[in-house]
Structures are given as C-alpha cells and as structure tokens.
Amino acid sequence: MSKLSRYSRYTGGPDPLAPPVDLREALEAIGQDVMEGTSPRRALSEMLRRGTKNMPGADK
C-alpha cells in the first residue's frame, strides 16, 4: 500500500524555525529575580509561570 504525501509552500503563521524563547529576555528576567535574592531554580520556575514580553507563561 502506497501513501501519498503532498508538500506545499509555507503560507504563514509563526516561524517554525524561530527559537521558542528569546534567551536574552529570559536571562534578564531570571537574573533580576536572582539579584533580588530568589534562588535560580525558583527564578526559572517563576519566569516560566509568568512568561516574558514575547512569550506567554503558564498563567496566561
């Protein structure tokens, strides 16, 4: 049994090859929390929960 596949030109939507997170923005958010006394593990958890300007978090 042969399976037919069709491919076409990409026609829009989010860039499938774009990185999922802006690393500079994520490190800035985590670094700010760490400088305020939060543990790195907790800062990462909070950043993932809150999100960033360009990445919605779990709360959104």
PDB file of N, CA and C in Angstrom:
ATOM      1  N   MET A   1       0.841  -1.163   0.000  1.00  0.00           N
ATOM      2  CA  MET A   1       0.000   0.000   0.000  1.00  0.00           C
ATOM      3  C   MET A   1       0.900   1.244   0.000  1.00  0.00           C
ATOM      4  N   SER A   2       0.675   2.130  -0.921  1.00  0.00           N
ATOM      5  CA  SER A   2       1.464   3.354  -1.053  1.00  0.00           C
ATOM      6  C   SER A   2       0.742   4.518  -0.372  1.00  0.00           C
ATOM      7  N   LYS A   3       1.508   5.344   0.306  1.00  0.00           N
ATOM      8  CA  LYS A   3       0.929   6.508   0.977  1.00  0.00           C
ATOM      9  C   LYS A   3       1.332   7.756   0.201  1.00  0.00           C
ATOM     10  N   LEU A   4       0.369   8.576  -0.150  1.00  0.00           N
ATOM     11  CA  LEU A   4       0.616   9.793  -0.915  1.00  0.00           C
ATOM     12  C   LEU A   4       0.828  10.964   0.032  1.00  0.00           C
ATOM     13  N   SER A   5       1.923  11.689  -0.156  1.00  0.00           N
ATOM     14  CA  SER A   5       2.210  12.883   0.648  1.00  0.00           C
ATOM     15  C   SER A   5       2.287  14.083  -0.268  1.00  0.00           C
ATOM     16  N   ARG A   6       1.739  15.185   0.187  1.00  0.00           N
ATOM     17  CA  ARG A   6       1.792  16.422  -0.593  1.00  0.00           C
ATOM     18  C   ARG A   6       2.482  17.495   0.224  1.00  0.00           C
ATOM     19  N   TYR A   7       3.364  18.214  -0.424  1.00  0.00           N
ATOM     20  CA  TYR A   7       4.088  19.302   0.214  1.00  0.00           C
ATOM     21  C   TYR A   7       3.793  20.575  -0.544  1.00  0.00           C
ATOM     22  N   SER A   8       3.668  21.662   0.180  1.00  0.00           N
ATOM     23  CA  SER A   8       3.419  22.938  -0.480  1.00  0.00           C
ATOM     24  C   SER A   8       4.234  24.021   0.205  1.00  0.00           C
ATOM     25  N   ARG A   9       4.251  25.187  -0.411  1.00  0.00           N
ATOM     26  CA  ARG A   9       4.977  26.338   0.116  1.00  0.00           C
ATOM     27  C   ARG A   9       4.381  26.763   1.458  1.00  0.00           C
ATOM     28  N   TYR A  10       5.246  27.204   2.371  1.00  0.00           N
ATOM     29  CA  TYR A  10       4.819  27.716   3.676  1.00  0.00           C
ATOM     30  C   TYR A  10       4.043  29.004   3.457  1.00  0.00           C
ATOM     31  N   THR A  11       2.840  29.096   4.030  1.00  0.00           N
ATOM     32  CA  THR A  11       1.966  30.234   3.731  1.00  0.00           C
ATOM     33  C   THR A  11       1.655  31.135   4.918  1.00  0.00           C
ATOM     34  N   GLY A  12       2.404  31.061   5.975  1.00  0.00           N
ATOM     35  CA  GLY A  12       2.162  31.980   7.083  1.00  0.00           C
ATOM     36  C   GLY A  12       2.125  31.295   8.423  1.00  0.00           C
ATOM     37  N   GLY A  13       1.870  32.094   9.436  1.00  0.00           N
ATOM     38  CA  GLY A  13       1.869  31.587  10.798  1.00  0.00           C
ATOM     39  C   GLY A  13       3.199  31.863  11.456  1.00  0.00           C
ATOM     40  N   PRO A  14       3.397  31.355  12.671  1.00  0.00           N
ATOM     41  CA  PRO A  14       4.662  31.588  13.352  1.00  0.00           C
ATOM     42  C   PRO A  14       5.805  30.898  12.616  1.00  0.00           C
ATOM     43  N   ASP A  15       6.973  31.478  12.708  1.00  0.00           N
ATOM     44  CA  ASP A  15       8.152  30.915  12.055  1.00  0.00           C
ATOM     45  C   ASP A  15       8.486  29.577  12.716  1.00  0.00           C
ATOM     46  N   PRO A  16       8.411  28.469  11.990  1.00  0.00           N
ATOM     47  CA  PRO A  16       8.662  27.164  12.605  1.00  0.00           C
ATOM     48  C   PRO A  16      10.118  26.965  13.003  1.00  0.00           C
ATOM     49  N   LEU A  17      11.025  27.775  12.477  1.00  0.00           N
ATOM     50  CA  LEU A  17      12.441  27.637  12.806  1.00  0.00           C
ATOM     51  C   LEU A  17      12.920  28.666  13.820  1.00  0.00           C
ATOM     52  N   ALA A  18      12.036  29.528  14.280  1.00  0.00           N
ATOM     53  CA  ALA A  18      12.410  30.547  15.262  1.00  0.00           C
ATOM     54  C   ALA A  18      12.648  29.887  16.617  1.00  0.00           C
ATOM     55  N   PRO A  19      13.606  30.402  17.376  1.00  0.00           N
ATOM     56  CA  PRO A  19      13.810  29.837  18.712  1.00  0.00           C
ATOM     57  C   PRO A  19      12.559  30.051  19.564  1.00  0.00           C
ATOM     58  N   PRO A  20      12.233  29.088  20.424  1.00  0.00           N
ATOM     59  CA  PRO A  20      10.999  29.194  21.204  1.00  0.00           C
ATOM     60  C   PRO A  20      11.022  30.297  22.255  1.00  0.00           C
ATOM     61  N   VAL A  21      12.216  30.730  22.654  1.00  0.00           N
ATOM     62  CA  VAL A  21      12.344  31.731  23.714  1.00  0.00           C
ATOM     63  C   VAL A  21      13.436  32.715  23.328  1.00  0.00           C
ATOM     64  N   ASP A  22      13.220  33.991  23.608  1.00  0.00           N
ATOM     65  CA  ASP A  22      14.275  34.989  23.453  1.00  0.00           C
ATOM     66  C   ASP A  22      15.197  34.825  24.659  1.00  0.00           C
ATOM     67  N   LEU A  23      16.375  34.239  24.440  1.00  0.00           N
ATOM     68  CA  LEU A  23      17.268  33.916  25.551  1.00  0.00           C
ATOM     69  C   LEU A  23      17.708  35.150  26.329  1.00  0.00           C
ATOM     70  N   ARG A  24      17.957  36.241  25.637  1.00  0.00           N
ATOM     71  CA  ARG A  24      18.377  37.466  26.326  1.00  0.00           C
ATOM     72  C   ARG A  24      17.287  37.923  27.298  1.00  0.00           C
ATOM     73  N   GLU A  25      16.053  37.912  26.831  1.00  0.00           N
ATOM     74  CA  GLU A  25      14.927  38.338  27.668  1.00  0.00           C
ATOM     75  C   GLU A  25      14.727  37.382  28.855  1.00  0.00           C
ATOM     76  N   ALA A  26      14.852  36.077  28.599  1.00  0.00           N
ATOM     77  CA  ALA A  26      14.687  35.091  29.668  1.00  0.00           C
ATOM     78  C   ALA A  26      15.779  35.238  30.724  1.00  0.00           C
ATOM     79  N   LEU A  27      17.034  35.393  30.288  1.00  0.00           N
ATOM     80  CA  LEU A  27      18.130  35.549  31.247  1.00  0.00           C
ATOM     81  C   LEU A  27      18.013  36.846  32.032  1.00  0.00           C
ATOM     82  N   GLU A  28      17.526  37.891  31.386  1.00  0.00           N
ATOM     83  CA  GLU A  28      17.323  39.165  32.084  1.00  0.00           C
ATOM     84  C   GLU A  28      16.284  39.000  33.198  1.00  0.00           C
ATOM     85  N   ALA A  29      15.183  38.319  32.897  1.00  0.00           N
ATOM     86  CA  ALA A  29      14.126  38.113  33.893  1.00  0.00           C
ATOM     87  C   ALA A  29      14.624  37.243  35.046  1.00  0.00           C
ATOM     88  N   ILE A  30      15.328  36.167  34.721  1.00  0.00           N
ATOM     89  CA  ILE A  30      15.854  35.276  35.758  1.00  0.00           C
ATOM     90  C   ILE A  30      16.917  35.998  36.579  1.00  0.00           C
ATOM     91  N   GLY A  31      17.823  36.704  35.907  1.00  0.00           N
ATOM     92  CA  GLY A  31      18.890  37.427  36.594  1.00  0.00           C
ATOM     93  C   GLY A  31      18.356  38.473  37.552  1.00  0.00           C
ATOM     94  N   GLN A  32      17.313  39.169  37.151  1.00  0.00           N
ATOM     95  CA  GLN A  32      16.709  40.189  38.020  1.00  0.00           C
ATOM     96  C   GLN A  32      16.182  39.551  39.300  1.00  0.00           C
ATOM     97  N   ASP A  33      15.492  38.421  39.161  1.00  0.00           N
ATOM     98  CA  ASP A  33      14.968  37.734  40.346  1.00  0.00           C
ATOM     99  C   ASP A  33      16.097  37.230  41.241  1.00  0.00           C
ATOM    100  N   VAL A  34      17.156  36.689  40.644  1.00  0.00           N
ATOM    101  CA  VAL A  34      18.288  36.185  41.426  1.00  0.00           C
ATOM    102  C   VAL A  34      18.971  37.330  42.174  1.00  0.00           C
ATOM    103  N   MET A  35      19.128  38.475  41.513  1.00  0.00           N
ATOM    104  CA  MET A  35      19.753  39.626  42.166  1.00  0.00           C
ATOM    105  C   MET A  35      18.907  40.140  43.334  1.00  0.00           C
ATOM    106  N   GLU A  36      17.601  39.875  43.290  1.00  0.00           N
ATOM    107  CA  GLU A  36      16.709  40.275  44.385  1.00  0.00           C
ATOM    108  C   GLU A  36      16.653  39.233  45.497  1.00  0.00           C
ATOM    109  N   GLY A  37      17.428  38.138  45.357  1.00  0.00           N
ATOM    110  CA  GLY A  37      17.518  37.146  46.421  1.00  0.00           C
ATOM    111  C   GLY A  37      16.810  35.835  46.167  1.00  0.00           C
ATOM    112  N   THR A  38      16.173  35.685  45.033  1.00  0.00           N
ATOM    113  CA  THR A  38      15.477  34.443  44.705  1.00  0.00           C
ATOM    114  C   THR A  38      16.491  33.408  44.231  1.00  0.00           C
ATOM    115  N   SER A  39      16.259  32.138  44.544  1.00  0.00           N
ATOM    116  CA  SER A  39      17.161  31.084  44.073  1.00  0.00           C
ATOM    117  C   SER A  39      17.021  30.956  42.555  1.00  0.00           C
ATOM    118  N   PRO A  40      18.087  30.537  41.865  1.00  0.00           N
ATOM    119  CA  PRO A  40      17.996  30.374  40.409  1.00  0.00           C
ATOM    120  C   PRO A  40      16.877  29.418  39.988  1.00  0.00           C
ATOM    121  N   ARG A  41      16.702  28.344  40.736  1.00  0.00           N
ATOM    122  CA  ARG A  41      15.648  27.375  40.405  1.00  0.00           C
ATOM    123  C   ARG A  41      14.267  28.021  40.505  1.00  0.00           C
ATOM    124  N   ARG A  42      14.053  28.771  41.572  1.00  0.00           N
ATOM    125  CA  ARG A  42      12.761  29.453  41.772  1.00  0.00           C
ATOM    126  C   ARG A  42      12.561  30.544  40.723  1.00  0.00           C
ATOM    127  N   ALA A  43      13.647  31.262  40.381  1.00  0.00           N
ATOM    128  CA  ALA A  43      13.563  32.323  39.371  1.00  0.00           C
ATOM    129  C   ALA A  43      13.162  31.747  38.015  1.00  0.00           C
ATOM    130  N   LEU A  44      13.734  30.598  37.651  1.00  0.00           N
ATOM    131  CA  LEU A  44      13.368  29.951  36.390  1.00  0.00           C
ATOM    132  C   LEU A  44      11.910  29.515  36.420  1.00  0.00           C
ATOM    133  N   SER A  45      11.499  28.922  37.522  1.00  0.00           N
ATOM    134  CA  SER A  45      10.111  28.485  37.665  1.00  0.00           C
ATOM    135  C   SER A  45       9.141  29.658  37.530  1.00  0.00           C
ATOM    136  N   GLU A  46       9.467  30.771  38.180  1.00  0.00           N
ATOM    137  CA  GLU A  46       8.614  31.959  38.112  1.00  0.00           C
ATOM    138  C   GLU A  46       8.576  32.547  36.700  1.00  0.00           C
ATOM    139  N   MET A  47       9.718  32.563  36.014  1.00  0.00           N
ATOM    140  CA  MET A  47       9.755  33.095  34.647  1.00  0.00           C
ATOM    141  C   MET A  47       8.872  32.248  33.726  1.00  0.00           C
ATOM    142  N   LEU A  48       8.922  30.930  33.885  1.00  0.00           N
ATOM    143  CA  LEU A  48       8.081  30.057  33.064  1.00  0.00           C
ATOM    144  C   LEU A  48       6.600  30.247  33.394  1.00  0.00           C
ATOM    145  N   ARG A  49       6.301  30.511  34.660  1.00  0.00           N
ATOM    146  CA  ARG A  49       4.911  30.727  35.063  1.00  0.00           C
ATOM    147  C   ARG A  49       4.389  32.065  34.563  1.00  0.00           C
ATOM    148  N   ARG A  50       5.179  33.136  34.765  1.00  0.00           N
ATOM    149  CA  ARG A  50       4.761  34.490  34.377  1.00  0.00           C
ATOM    150  C   ARG A  50       4.873  34.726  32.878  1.00  0.00           C
ATOM    151  N   GLY A  51       5.905  34.161  32.272  1.00  0.00           N
ATOM    152  CA  GLY A  51       6.186  34.439  30.872  1.00  0.00           C
ATOM    153  C   GLY A  51       7.034  35.694  30.743  1.00  0.00           C
ATOM    154  N   THR A  52       7.257  36.112  29.506  1.00  0.00           N
ATOM    155  CA  THR A  52       8.009  37.325  29.215  1.00  0.00           C
ATOM    156  C   THR A  52       7.183  38.158  28.244  1.00  0.00           C
ATOM    157  N   LYS A  53       7.743  39.278  27.811  1.00  0.00           N
ATOM    158  CA  LYS A  53       7.009  40.149  26.878  1.00  0.00           C
ATOM    159  C   LYS A  53       6.613  39.414  25.604  1.00  0.00           C
ATOM    160  N   ASN A  54       7.515  38.572  25.104  1.00  0.00           N
ATOM    161  CA  ASN A  54       7.284  37.899  23.821  1.00  0.00           C
ATOM    162  C   ASN A  54       6.875  36.439  23.963  1.00  0.00           C
ATOM    163  N   MET A  55       6.795  35.932  25.188  1.00  0.00           N
ATOM    164  CA  MET A  55       6.443  34.535  25.395  1.00  0.00           C
ATOM    165  C   MET A  55       5.418  34.441  26.516  1.00  0.00           C
ATOM    166  N   PRO A  56       4.207  33.982  26.225  1.00  0.00           N
ATOM    167  CA  PRO A  56       3.223  33.847  27.293  1.00  0.00           C
ATOM    168  C   PRO A  56       3.637  32.752  28.271  1.00  0.00           C
ATOM    169  N   GLY A  57       3.348  32.956  29.521  1.00  0.00           N
ATOM    170  CA  GLY A  57       3.664  31.958  30.534  1.00  0.00           C
ATOM    171  C   GLY A  57       2.483  31.040  30.782  1.00  0.00           C
ATOM    172  N   ALA A  58       2.643  30.159  31.751  1.00  0.00           N
ATOM    173  CA  ALA A  58       1.585  29.208  32.082  1.00  0.00           C
ATOM    174  C   ALA A  58       0.353  29.908  32.659  1.00  0.00           C
ATOM    175  N   ASP A  59       0.552  31.081  33.258  1.00  0.00           N
ATOM    176  CA  ASP A  59      -0.576  31.823  33.837  1.00  0.00           C
ATOM    177  C   ASP A  59      -1.454  32.482  32.786  1.00  0.00           C
ATOM    178  N   LYS A  60      -0.958  32.632  31.577  1.00  0.00           N
ATOM    179  CA  LYS A  60      -1.696  33.389  30.551  1.00  0.00           C
ATOM    180  C   LYS A  60      -2.436  32.483  29.614  1.00  0.00           C
TER     181      LYS A  60
END
